[in-house]
Every structure is written in structure tokens, then in C-alpha cells.
N, C-alpha and C. Protein backbone atom coordinates (compact mmCIF):
# COMPACT_ATOMS: atom_id res chain seq x y z
N MET A 1 44.86 140.24 112.84
CA MET A 1 44.06 140.60 113.76
C MET A 1 43.16 139.35 114.08
N GLU A 2 42.93 138.99 115.34
CA GLU A 2 42.11 137.84 115.59
C GLU A 2 40.66 138.20 115.60
N THR A 3 39.86 137.22 115.00
CA THR A 3 38.45 137.46 114.87
C THR A 3 37.79 137.47 116.26
N ALA A 4 36.90 138.48 116.48
CA ALA A 4 36.32 138.58 117.77
C ALA A 4 35.35 137.32 117.93
N TYR A 5 35.16 136.85 119.18
CA TYR A 5 34.38 135.69 119.47
C TYR A 5 32.93 135.82 118.87
N ASN A 6 32.32 137.00 118.93
CA ASN A 6 30.96 137.25 118.44
C ASN A 6 30.90 137.09 116.85
N ASP A 7 32.07 137.24 116.27
CA ASP A 7 32.02 137.25 114.81
C ASP A 7 32.33 135.83 114.28
N ARG A 8 32.53 134.86 115.19
CA ARG A 8 32.83 133.56 114.73
C ARG A 8 31.56 132.82 114.53
N THR A 9 31.58 131.73 113.66
CA THR A 9 30.44 130.84 113.37
C THR A 9 30.03 130.01 114.75
N PRO A 10 28.84 129.56 114.79
CA PRO A 10 28.55 128.68 115.91
C PRO A 10 29.45 127.41 116.05
N LEU A 11 29.98 126.84 114.93
CA LEU A 11 30.83 125.76 115.00
C LEU A 11 32.16 126.27 115.54
N GLU A 12 32.62 127.35 115.14
CA GLU A 12 33.93 127.87 115.61
C GLU A 12 33.81 128.15 117.09
N LYS A 13 32.76 128.80 117.45
CA LYS A 13 32.49 129.02 118.93
C LYS A 13 32.46 127.72 119.72
N ALA A 14 31.79 126.68 119.13
CA ALA A 14 31.80 125.38 119.85
C ALA A 14 33.18 124.85 120.03
N HIS A 15 33.99 125.01 118.99
CA HIS A 15 35.42 124.47 119.05
C HIS A 15 36.12 125.26 120.08
N ASP A 16 35.92 126.63 120.13
CA ASP A 16 36.56 127.42 121.15
C ASP A 16 36.20 126.94 122.55
N GLU A 17 34.94 126.73 122.78
CA GLU A 17 34.48 126.28 124.15
C GLU A 17 35.05 124.93 124.45
N PHE A 18 35.05 124.06 123.47
CA PHE A 18 35.56 122.67 123.70
C PHE A 18 37.10 122.77 124.03
N GLY A 19 37.76 123.60 123.30
CA GLY A 19 39.22 123.74 123.59
C GLY A 19 39.56 124.41 124.99
N ALA A 20 38.57 125.18 125.43
CA ALA A 20 38.74 125.78 126.75
C ALA A 20 38.21 124.91 127.85
N GLY A 21 37.70 123.63 127.55
CA GLY A 21 37.20 122.74 128.53
C GLY A 21 35.84 123.01 128.98
N ASN A 22 35.11 123.94 128.27
CA ASN A 22 33.74 124.33 128.61
C ASN A 22 32.90 123.36 127.82
N PHE A 23 32.77 122.09 128.21
CA PHE A 23 32.05 121.13 127.40
C PHE A 23 30.58 121.35 127.31
N SER A 24 29.95 121.80 128.46
CA SER A 24 28.53 122.06 128.44
C SER A 24 28.13 123.19 127.43
N ALA A 25 29.07 124.19 127.32
CA ALA A 25 28.76 125.32 126.45
C ALA A 25 29.04 124.83 124.97
N ALA A 26 30.01 123.94 124.81
CA ALA A 26 30.27 123.48 123.53
C ALA A 26 29.03 122.53 123.00
N LEU A 27 28.59 121.73 123.92
CA LEU A 27 27.43 120.89 123.65
C LEU A 27 26.21 121.71 123.27
N ALA A 28 25.93 122.70 124.06
CA ALA A 28 24.77 123.68 123.79
C ALA A 28 24.90 124.22 122.34
N LEU A 29 26.08 124.68 121.91
CA LEU A 29 26.34 125.15 120.54
C LEU A 29 26.22 124.15 119.53
N LEU A 30 26.64 122.90 119.79
CA LEU A 30 26.71 121.82 118.75
C LEU A 30 25.33 121.29 118.51
N LYS A 31 24.47 121.14 119.53
CA LYS A 31 23.12 120.48 119.38
C LYS A 31 22.21 121.13 118.24
N PRO A 32 22.04 122.36 118.21
CA PRO A 32 21.22 123.04 117.10
C PRO A 32 21.95 122.75 115.66
N LEU A 33 23.26 122.65 115.64
CA LEU A 33 23.92 122.40 114.33
C LEU A 33 23.76 121.03 113.93
N VAL A 34 23.75 120.08 114.92
CA VAL A 34 23.54 118.68 114.68
C VAL A 34 22.08 118.51 114.12
N GLU A 35 21.18 119.24 114.68
CA GLU A 35 19.74 119.09 114.30
C GLU A 35 19.47 119.60 112.91
N LEU A 36 20.40 120.60 112.59
CA LEU A 36 20.37 121.05 111.14
C LEU A 36 21.09 120.20 110.22
N GLY A 37 21.75 119.18 110.66
CA GLY A 37 22.40 118.22 109.74
C GLY A 37 23.95 118.52 109.53
N ASP A 38 24.57 119.46 110.35
CA ASP A 38 25.94 119.77 110.05
C ASP A 38 26.78 118.59 110.38
N PRO A 39 27.50 118.00 109.34
CA PRO A 39 28.24 116.75 109.47
C PRO A 39 29.40 116.92 110.47
N ILE A 40 30.15 118.07 110.50
CA ILE A 40 31.34 118.20 111.36
C ILE A 40 30.81 118.34 112.79
N ALA A 41 29.78 119.09 113.05
CA ALA A 41 29.24 119.19 114.34
C ALA A 41 28.74 117.88 114.79
N THR A 42 28.16 117.12 114.00
CA THR A 42 27.73 115.73 114.30
C THR A 42 28.95 114.80 114.72
N CYS A 43 29.98 114.97 114.02
CA CYS A 43 31.22 114.18 114.39
C CYS A 43 31.76 114.61 115.70
N ASN A 44 31.71 116.04 115.94
CA ASN A 44 32.15 116.53 117.28
C ASN A 44 31.29 115.91 118.40
N LEU A 45 29.94 115.92 118.19
CA LEU A 45 29.13 115.43 119.18
C LEU A 45 29.41 113.97 119.48
N ALA A 46 29.67 113.18 118.41
CA ALA A 46 29.98 111.75 118.60
C ALA A 46 31.31 111.54 119.48
N SER A 47 32.20 112.44 119.14
CA SER A 47 33.49 112.44 120.01
C SER A 47 33.24 112.70 121.44
N MET A 48 32.28 113.64 121.77
CA MET A 48 31.91 113.91 123.10
C MET A 48 31.39 112.75 123.83
N TYR A 49 30.49 111.96 123.08
CA TYR A 49 29.89 110.72 123.66
C TYR A 49 31.00 109.73 123.74
N PHE A 50 31.89 109.60 122.90
CA PHE A 50 32.96 108.58 122.99
C PHE A 50 33.82 108.86 124.10
N CYS A 51 34.20 110.11 124.38
CA CYS A 51 35.09 110.53 125.46
C CYS A 51 34.34 110.84 126.80
N GLY A 52 33.11 110.93 126.72
CA GLY A 52 32.38 111.50 127.92
C GLY A 52 32.63 112.86 128.35
N LEU A 53 32.71 113.78 127.48
CA LEU A 53 32.99 115.13 127.61
C LEU A 53 31.58 116.03 127.60
N GLY A 54 31.20 116.32 128.74
CA GLY A 54 29.92 117.07 128.79
C GLY A 54 28.60 116.21 128.74
N VAL A 55 28.87 114.86 128.58
CA VAL A 55 27.80 113.91 128.44
C VAL A 55 28.41 112.64 129.05
N ALA A 56 27.53 111.65 129.38
CA ALA A 56 27.92 110.41 129.85
C ALA A 56 28.63 109.65 128.68
N VAL A 57 29.65 108.88 129.01
CA VAL A 57 30.32 108.02 127.91
C VAL A 57 29.22 107.03 127.45
N ASP A 58 29.04 107.17 126.05
CA ASP A 58 28.07 106.26 125.43
C ASP A 58 28.78 105.79 124.06
N GLY A 59 29.50 104.79 124.12
CA GLY A 59 30.19 104.24 122.94
C GLY A 59 29.24 103.87 121.83
N ARG A 60 28.09 103.31 122.15
CA ARG A 60 27.11 102.81 121.25
C ARG A 60 26.45 103.94 120.49
N LYS A 61 26.10 105.05 121.22
CA LYS A 61 25.67 106.30 120.64
C LYS A 61 26.62 106.92 119.64
N ALA A 62 27.93 106.87 120.14
CA ALA A 62 28.98 107.51 119.29
C ALA A 62 29.10 106.69 117.99
N LEU A 63 29.14 105.36 118.00
CA LEU A 63 29.09 104.48 116.85
C LEU A 63 27.95 104.72 116.00
N ASP A 64 26.77 104.89 116.47
CA ASP A 64 25.65 105.08 115.63
C ASP A 64 25.78 106.36 114.88
N ILE A 65 26.10 107.44 115.65
CA ILE A 65 26.29 108.82 115.00
C ILE A 65 27.33 108.72 113.87
N LEU A 66 28.55 108.12 114.24
CA LEU A 66 29.57 108.08 113.33
C LEU A 66 29.30 107.34 111.92
N HIS A 67 28.62 106.21 112.29
CA HIS A 67 28.28 105.37 111.01
C HIS A 67 27.38 106.19 110.09
N LYS A 68 26.51 106.84 110.61
CA LYS A 68 25.60 107.73 109.70
C LYS A 68 26.39 108.65 108.88
N ILE A 69 27.36 109.25 109.47
CA ILE A 69 28.17 110.28 108.72
C ILE A 69 29.07 109.50 107.72
N ALA A 70 29.75 108.52 108.21
CA ALA A 70 30.83 107.71 107.49
C ALA A 70 30.12 107.19 106.19
N ASP A 71 28.85 106.62 106.30
CA ASP A 71 28.15 105.97 105.21
C ASP A 71 27.61 106.97 104.14
N GLN A 72 27.68 108.27 104.46
CA GLN A 72 27.19 109.16 103.50
C GLN A 72 28.19 109.82 102.44
N ASN A 73 29.53 109.47 102.69
CA ASN A 73 30.55 109.91 101.81
C ASN A 73 30.52 111.46 101.66
N ILE A 74 30.44 112.17 102.79
CA ILE A 74 30.39 113.60 102.78
C ILE A 74 31.74 114.29 102.60
N ASP A 75 31.92 114.99 101.49
CA ASP A 75 33.12 115.63 101.26
C ASP A 75 33.39 116.91 102.13
N GLU A 76 32.36 117.60 102.42
CA GLU A 76 32.39 118.89 103.15
C GLU A 76 33.25 118.68 104.45
N GLY A 77 34.30 119.38 104.55
CA GLY A 77 35.24 119.36 105.73
C GLY A 77 35.74 117.85 105.81
N CYS A 78 35.77 117.07 104.85
CA CYS A 78 36.15 115.71 104.94
C CYS A 78 35.47 114.99 106.09
N ALA A 79 34.15 115.30 106.16
CA ALA A 79 33.29 114.81 107.32
C ALA A 79 33.30 113.35 107.37
N SER A 80 33.09 112.58 106.25
CA SER A 80 33.05 111.16 106.25
C SER A 80 34.43 110.59 106.55
N GLY A 81 35.48 111.20 106.13
CA GLY A 81 36.84 110.78 106.41
C GLY A 81 37.10 110.97 107.92
N LEU A 82 36.64 112.09 108.55
CA LEU A 82 36.69 112.29 109.92
C LEU A 82 35.97 111.25 110.71
N ALA A 83 34.72 110.93 110.24
CA ALA A 83 33.91 109.94 110.99
C ALA A 83 34.50 108.49 110.90
N CYS A 84 35.16 108.23 109.68
CA CYS A 84 35.89 106.94 109.68
C CYS A 84 37.07 106.84 110.59
N ASN A 85 37.70 107.98 110.69
CA ASN A 85 38.87 108.00 111.54
C ASN A 85 38.54 107.93 113.08
N GLU A 86 37.39 108.54 113.32
CA GLU A 86 36.94 108.41 114.72
C GLU A 86 36.38 106.93 114.96
N LEU A 87 35.82 106.24 114.06
CA LEU A 87 35.30 104.90 114.13
C LEU A 87 36.58 103.93 114.43
N ALA A 88 37.62 104.23 113.65
CA ALA A 88 38.84 103.51 113.74
C ALA A 88 39.40 103.55 115.11
N THR A 89 39.41 104.83 115.76
CA THR A 89 39.92 104.95 117.08
C THR A 89 38.97 104.30 117.97
N LEU A 90 37.62 104.47 117.91
CA LEU A 90 36.62 103.82 118.80
C LEU A 90 36.86 102.27 118.80
N TYR A 91 36.94 101.73 117.62
CA TYR A 91 37.06 100.23 117.52
C TYR A 91 38.54 99.77 117.97
N ALA A 92 39.46 100.66 117.92
CA ALA A 92 40.82 100.29 118.35
C ALA A 92 40.93 100.21 119.87
N VAL A 93 40.26 101.21 120.54
CA VAL A 93 40.40 101.11 122.02
C VAL A 93 39.14 100.66 122.82
N GLY A 94 38.00 100.77 122.07
CA GLY A 94 36.79 100.31 122.78
C GLY A 94 36.34 101.34 123.85
N THR A 95 35.11 101.07 124.42
CA THR A 95 34.65 101.77 125.62
C THR A 95 34.00 100.79 126.53
N TRP A 96 33.43 101.20 127.47
CA TRP A 96 32.83 100.17 128.44
C TRP A 96 31.70 99.43 127.85
N ASP A 97 31.10 99.97 126.81
CA ASP A 97 29.89 99.30 126.19
C ASP A 97 30.30 98.99 124.64
N VAL A 98 31.48 99.06 124.25
CA VAL A 98 31.86 98.70 122.97
C VAL A 98 33.27 98.04 123.04
N ASP A 99 33.35 96.70 122.64
CA ASP A 99 34.58 95.90 122.73
C ASP A 99 35.44 96.45 121.56
N PRO A 100 36.80 96.42 121.78
CA PRO A 100 37.71 96.72 120.69
C PRO A 100 37.54 95.61 119.64
N ASP A 101 37.85 96.03 118.46
CA ASP A 101 37.70 95.11 117.27
C ASP A 101 38.84 95.62 116.25
N PRO A 102 39.98 95.06 116.36
CA PRO A 102 41.13 95.43 115.54
C PRO A 102 40.86 95.34 114.03
N SER A 103 40.04 94.44 113.60
CA SER A 103 39.82 94.32 112.11
C SER A 103 38.90 95.45 111.67
N LEU A 104 37.91 95.87 112.44
CA LEU A 104 37.13 97.07 112.09
C LEU A 104 37.87 98.39 112.23
N ALA A 105 38.80 98.36 113.26
CA ALA A 105 39.65 99.56 113.37
C ALA A 105 40.47 99.81 112.17
N ARG A 106 41.07 98.65 111.63
CA ARG A 106 41.95 98.79 110.53
C ARG A 106 41.00 99.16 109.23
N LYS A 107 39.92 98.59 109.11
CA LYS A 107 38.94 98.84 108.01
C LYS A 107 38.69 100.31 107.86
N TYR A 108 38.28 100.92 109.01
CA TYR A 108 37.96 102.32 109.10
C TYR A 108 39.07 103.28 108.96
N ARG A 109 40.33 102.85 109.40
CA ARG A 109 41.45 103.70 109.24
C ARG A 109 41.82 103.76 107.73
N LEU A 110 41.80 102.61 107.03
CA LEU A 110 42.03 102.58 105.62
C LEU A 110 40.91 103.47 104.89
N ARG A 111 39.65 103.27 105.31
CA ARG A 111 38.58 103.97 104.61
C ARG A 111 38.83 105.56 104.80
N SER A 112 39.19 105.96 106.00
CA SER A 112 39.52 107.47 106.24
C SER A 112 40.59 107.98 105.27
N GLU A 113 41.60 107.09 105.08
CA GLU A 113 42.63 107.56 104.16
C GLU A 113 42.17 107.62 102.76
N GLU A 114 41.31 106.61 102.33
CA GLU A 114 40.68 106.69 100.99
C GLU A 114 39.89 107.86 100.81
N LEU A 115 39.26 108.37 101.86
CA LEU A 115 38.44 109.59 101.72
C LEU A 115 39.21 110.85 101.86
N GLY A 116 40.53 110.68 102.05
CA GLY A 116 41.36 111.87 102.07
C GLY A 116 41.62 112.52 103.48
N PHE A 117 41.29 111.80 104.54
CA PHE A 117 41.53 112.32 105.80
C PHE A 117 42.98 112.03 106.33
N MET A 118 43.72 113.10 106.67
CA MET A 118 45.04 113.00 107.18
C MET A 118 46.01 112.63 106.04
N LYS A 119 45.60 113.08 104.78
CA LYS A 119 46.55 112.88 103.66
C LYS A 119 47.58 114.10 103.73
N GLU A 120 48.81 113.63 103.31
CA GLU A 120 49.89 114.69 103.30
C GLU A 120 49.81 115.43 101.96
């Protein structure tokens, strides 16, 4: 039996809205979680800034957010590993305000693996 939407956590609801393409609704659900320090919600918000989903593209803001999570070595939900993986992607492709940097992309990809992100 599928869990009813109202029984889902705010983070799960944000993921549902994100998956449905309702980025402003996802953003509204993520912001209070970010303010409470939820590391996964914070990574999700950074991804929205990186991709310009529900917000203007802001690679610098995404970098700032992701570095804060990556540097804390948060095990919960492999949050720091997720942040390092997102940093690797951002540095690999860049944005209009962040130049690609292959050496930093490689550094953060390796760090994400060290932290257990995407391990088989």
C-alpha cells in the first residue's frame, strides 16, 4: 500500500513535488528544512540553484551551500558524500558564473566515493 501524501515527511513531499516538476512547491517545502539544518534538504536546495529549478541559476550559491555540507562529514543520508558528488558535477560542467575545473571535479568525485556515495 502506498503511503498517502499527507503521511509523508516534508522532505518526502518536497521530493514528490520536485519529481512532478512543481519546483516552487518543492522550494517552499525545502526552505524550512534548510533553516532547521537538514543536510539532505540543503543539498537539494543547492541542486535547485545549480540547475535553476524554481530559482535563478546561481552556481556560486550552490557551491557555497555544497561546500558547507561537504566539509562537515555528515553521515546521515550520506549527505557529505552527496554534496561532494554534486560539487564534482558542478566543477565538471560549470555554470554561467562558475568555470569548469576538472581537477576539482576529480577531487570531489573521489571524496564522494571515500564517503560512501554511490558505492556498490
